[in-house]
Amino acid sequence: MTNISTPPLSADAVMRDAPVIPVIVLNDVRQAVPLARALIAGGIRMLEVTLRTSQALACIEAIAREVPDAVVGAGTVRSAADAVAAHHAGARFAVSPGFTPALGRQCRDLDLPLLPGVATGSEIMLAQEEGFKALKFFPAVQAGGLAMLKAWQGPFGDVVFCPTGGIHAGNAHEFLALPNVACVGGSWLVPADALARGDWDAITSLARAACELRR
């Protein structure tokens, strides 16, 4: 399934749509649509479904087909083959834990916006050489957190980041206060216990709270 009729999307637009991009791990395709609808009800429409489970592509396809208000993307995209599979399933953007030029070129060929993962200055420079300047900082807290992002403001003032990894409701606002942070990524919007219970109201409430975070 492809989204050839949908308007083009940019990585920057994905990052600036809401303060938080939820990092979603799904093992049951039956949860995909009600989860997407719960997040949409709370104001979150950019949904990163990670390719960490055997059901991930089916979940992306179900959301793309049945929840038109959602903008579903694929996370943990590690190869050109992952990008192709995600695109065919209906993903409208991709998020990677790292970056390779081959992955960047494949996403560009597919017109699939990519948020490449970086953790060092050299990785930022490599991504920039390939034309990417809206980047995922991963793993954010473990790789230097707020101090690293502040240090990058000087040499990489033209880059915006989505810090992911160790971000939660208690520290997200600190990252969002930085001028080079467009949004954060986090799994706290989809807690495993609420997902297991099908407690969609709880997830909607978490999404609403995330939307109230200020950048």
Protein backbone atom coordinates (compact mmCIF):
# COMPACT_ATOMS: atom_id res chain seq x y z
CA MET A 1 0.00 0.00 0.00
CA THR A 2 1.38 3.42 -0.91
CA ASN A 3 0.15 6.93 -0.30
CA ILE A 4 0.66 8.31 -3.81
CA SER A 5 -2.36 10.61 -3.49
CA THR A 6 -1.23 12.31 -0.28
CA PRO A 7 0.60 15.64 -0.36
CA PRO A 8 4.37 15.64 0.17
CA LEU A 9 5.64 15.88 3.73
CA SER A 10 8.97 17.15 5.06
CA ALA A 11 10.97 15.92 8.04
CA ASP A 12 10.83 19.42 9.48
CA ALA A 13 7.02 19.43 9.24
CA VAL A 14 6.88 16.04 11.00
CA MET A 15 8.99 17.39 13.85
CA ARG A 16 7.08 20.65 14.27
CA ASP A 17 3.55 19.25 14.20
CA ALA A 18 3.40 18.59 17.96
CA PRO A 19 5.79 18.73 20.91
CA VAL A 20 6.07 14.93 21.10
CA ILE A 21 6.32 12.10 18.58
CA PRO A 22 5.18 8.91 20.31
CA VAL A 23 7.51 5.93 19.93
CA ILE A 24 5.13 2.99 19.53
CA VAL A 25 5.88 -0.72 19.85
CA LEU A 26 2.98 -2.96 18.80
CA ASN A 27 2.80 -6.74 18.91
CA ASP A 28 -0.90 -7.04 18.04
CA VAL A 29 -2.34 -5.50 14.89
CA ARG A 30 -5.75 -5.33 16.58
CA GLN A 31 -4.41 -2.58 18.85
CA ALA A 32 -3.14 -0.38 16.03
CA VAL A 33 -6.31 1.40 14.93
CA PRO A 34 -7.83 2.10 18.38
CA LEU A 35 -4.43 3.30 19.61
CA ALA A 36 -4.05 5.66 16.66
CA ARG A 37 -7.56 7.02 17.23
CA ALA A 38 -6.83 7.54 20.94
CA LEU A 39 -3.67 9.53 20.16
CA ILE A 40 -5.49 11.57 17.50
CA ALA A 41 -8.23 12.38 20.04
CA GLY A 42 -5.53 13.80 22.29
CA GLY A 43 -4.05 15.95 19.53
CA ILE A 44 -1.11 13.77 18.44
CA ARG A 45 -1.18 12.73 14.79
CA MET A 46 2.47 12.00 13.90
CA LEU A 47 2.81 8.36 14.98
CA GLU A 48 6.10 6.48 14.89
CA VAL A 49 5.45 2.73 14.81
CA THR A 50 8.79 1.02 15.33
CA LEU A 51 9.87 -1.91 13.18
CA ARG A 52 10.78 -3.94 16.25
CA THR A 53 8.05 -6.57 16.03
CA SER A 54 6.75 -8.98 13.43
CA GLN A 55 3.43 -7.10 13.37
CA ALA A 56 4.84 -3.61 12.84
CA LEU A 57 4.30 -3.38 9.09
CA ALA A 58 0.76 -4.74 9.38
CA CYS A 59 0.06 -2.14 12.09
CA ILE A 60 1.38 0.66 9.87
CA GLU A 61 -0.80 -0.56 7.01
CA ALA A 62 -3.90 -0.75 9.23
CA ILE A 63 -3.42 2.79 10.55
CA ALA A 64 -2.71 4.19 7.08
CA ARG A 65 -5.84 2.52 5.72
CA GLU A 66 -8.31 3.11 8.55
CA VAL A 67 -7.22 6.30 10.35
CA PRO A 68 -6.96 9.02 7.69
CA ASP A 69 -6.29 11.77 10.25
CA ALA A 70 -3.12 10.01 11.41
CA VAL A 71 0.26 10.50 9.78
CA VAL A 72 1.86 7.15 10.41
CA GLY A 73 5.60 6.66 10.13
CA ALA A 74 8.06 3.85 10.68
CA GLY A 75 10.70 3.88 13.39
CA THR A 76 13.83 1.76 13.82
CA VAL A 77 14.40 1.95 10.06
CA ARG A 78 17.94 0.58 9.68
CA SER A 79 18.32 -0.24 5.99
CA ALA A 80 17.14 0.63 2.51
CA ALA A 81 15.03 -2.55 2.57
CA ASP A 82 13.33 -1.37 5.77
CA ALA A 83 12.52 1.95 4.09
CA VAL A 84 11.02 0.24 1.06
CA ALA A 85 8.90 -2.10 3.19
CA ALA A 86 7.66 0.75 5.37
CA HIS A 87 6.79 2.87 2.33
CA HIS A 88 4.84 0.02 0.75
CA ALA A 89 2.94 -0.46 4.03
CA GLY A 90 1.82 3.16 3.95
CA ALA A 91 4.39 4.92 6.14
CA ARG A 92 4.66 8.63 5.37
CA PHE A 93 7.93 9.24 7.19
CA ALA A 94 10.83 7.22 8.59
CA VAL A 95 12.92 7.50 11.73
CA SER A 96 16.26 5.74 12.09
CA PRO A 97 18.48 5.04 15.13
CA GLY A 98 21.54 5.94 13.05
CA PHE A 99 22.39 7.07 9.54
CA THR A 100 23.98 5.71 6.39
CA PRO A 101 24.15 7.43 3.00
CA ALA A 102 22.47 4.38 1.43
CA LEU A 103 19.47 4.76 3.73
CA GLY A 104 19.31 8.48 3.04
CA ARG A 105 19.39 7.96 -0.73
CA GLN A 106 16.69 5.28 -0.61
CA CYS A 107 14.36 7.49 1.42
CA ARG A 108 14.99 10.36 -0.97
CA ASP A 109 14.19 8.11 -3.96
CA LEU A 110 10.93 7.11 -2.25
CA ASP A 111 10.06 10.73 -1.28
CA LEU A 112 9.92 9.37 2.25
CA PRO A 113 10.96 12.03 4.81
CA LEU A 114 13.70 10.68 7.06
CA LEU A 115 14.70 11.74 10.57
CA PRO A 116 18.20 10.24 10.76
CA GLY A 117 19.63 9.29 14.13
CA VAL A 118 22.86 10.99 15.23
CA ALA A 119 24.88 11.03 18.44
CA THR A 120 28.13 12.79 17.49
CA GLY A 121 29.32 15.85 15.57
CA SER A 122 30.77 13.65 12.83
CA GLU A 123 27.42 11.93 12.33
CA ILE A 124 25.68 15.30 12.07
CA MET A 125 28.20 16.38 9.42
CA LEU A 126 27.68 13.15 7.45
CA ALA A 127 23.91 13.62 7.53
CA GLN A 128 24.29 17.25 6.45
CA GLU A 129 26.50 16.21 3.53
CA GLU A 130 23.57 14.10 2.35
CA GLY A 131 21.15 17.02 2.70
CA PHE A 132 19.58 16.26 6.08
CA LYS A 133 19.28 18.93 8.77
CA ALA A 134 16.23 17.77 10.77
CA LEU A 135 17.76 15.01 12.87
CA LYS A 136 16.94 12.61 15.68
CA PHE A 137 19.38 12.84 18.61
CA PHE A 138 19.61 9.27 19.90
CA PRO A 139 20.06 8.02 22.54
CA ALA A 140 19.62 11.55 23.82
CA VAL A 141 20.11 11.32 27.59
CA GLN A 142 22.78 8.64 27.35
CA ALA A 143 24.71 10.55 24.66
CA GLY A 144 24.97 13.85 26.52
CA GLY A 145 21.44 15.14 26.88
CA LEU A 146 20.83 18.83 27.42
CA ALA A 147 24.52 19.70 27.67
CA MET A 148 25.28 18.13 24.29
CA LEU A 149 22.40 19.91 22.58
CA LYS A 150 23.53 23.23 24.05
CA ALA A 151 27.08 22.59 22.83
CA TRP A 152 25.83 21.85 19.31
CA GLN A 153 24.00 25.19 19.04
CA GLY A 154 27.21 26.93 18.00
CA PRO A 155 28.72 24.69 15.28
CA PHE A 156 25.38 23.28 14.12
CA GLY A 157 23.09 26.28 14.45
CA ASP A 158 21.27 25.35 11.23
CA VAL A 159 20.22 21.91 12.52
CA VAL A 160 17.07 21.04 14.48
CA PHE A 161 16.76 17.94 16.63
CA CYS A 162 14.22 15.49 17.96
CA PRO A 163 15.89 14.11 21.11
CA THR A 164 14.77 10.55 21.82
CA GLY A 165 15.95 8.08 24.43
CA GLY A 166 15.52 8.74 28.12
CA ILE A 167 12.91 11.45 27.50
CA HIS A 168 9.81 11.31 29.69
CA ALA A 169 7.00 13.52 30.98
CA GLY A 170 9.21 14.85 33.75
CA ASN A 171 12.10 16.12 31.61
CA ALA A 172 10.56 16.73 28.18
CA HIS A 173 9.97 20.42 28.90
CA GLU A 174 13.69 20.99 29.54
CA PHE A 175 14.56 19.69 26.08
CA LEU A 176 11.71 21.55 24.39
CA ALA A 177 12.98 24.82 25.88
CA LEU A 178 16.15 24.62 23.75
CA PRO A 179 16.09 26.61 20.49
CA ASN A 180 17.52 23.73 18.44
CA VAL A 181 14.87 21.23 19.59
CA ALA A 182 11.75 21.01 17.43
CA CYS A 183 10.12 18.15 19.34
CA VAL A 184 11.00 15.13 21.44
CA GLY A 185 10.34 11.44 20.95
CA GLY A 186 9.11 9.24 23.75
CA SER A 187 7.31 6.04 24.61
CA TRP A 188 5.54 7.39 27.70
CA LEU A 189 2.44 8.30 25.66
CA VAL A 190 1.81 4.59 25.06
CA PRO A 191 2.54 2.81 28.36
CA ALA A 192 2.58 -0.96 28.07
CA ASP A 193 0.01 -1.48 30.84
CA ALA A 194 -2.53 0.90 29.27
CA LEU A 195 -1.96 -0.71 25.88
CA ALA A 196 -2.46 -4.20 27.31
CA ARG A 197 -5.73 -3.14 28.99
CA GLY A 198 -6.97 -1.26 25.96
CA ASP A 199 -7.28 1.83 28.13
CA TRP A 200 -7.59 4.27 25.26
CA ASP A 201 -8.91 7.07 27.47
CA ALA A 202 -5.69 7.01 29.50
CA ILE A 203 -3.64 7.25 26.31
CA THR A 204 -5.76 10.14 25.05
CA SER A 205 -5.16 11.94 28.36
CA LEU A 206 -1.39 11.43 28.04
CA ALA A 207 -1.51 12.78 24.48
CA ARG A 208 -3.43 15.87 25.60
CA ALA A 209 -0.87 16.52 28.33
CA ALA A 210 1.95 16.14 25.81
CA CYS A 211 0.34 18.70 23.53
CA GLU A 212 0.34 21.20 26.39
CA LEU A 213 4.13 21.06 26.67
CA ARG A 214 5.61 24.31 25.43
CA ARG A 215 8.41 24.72 22.94
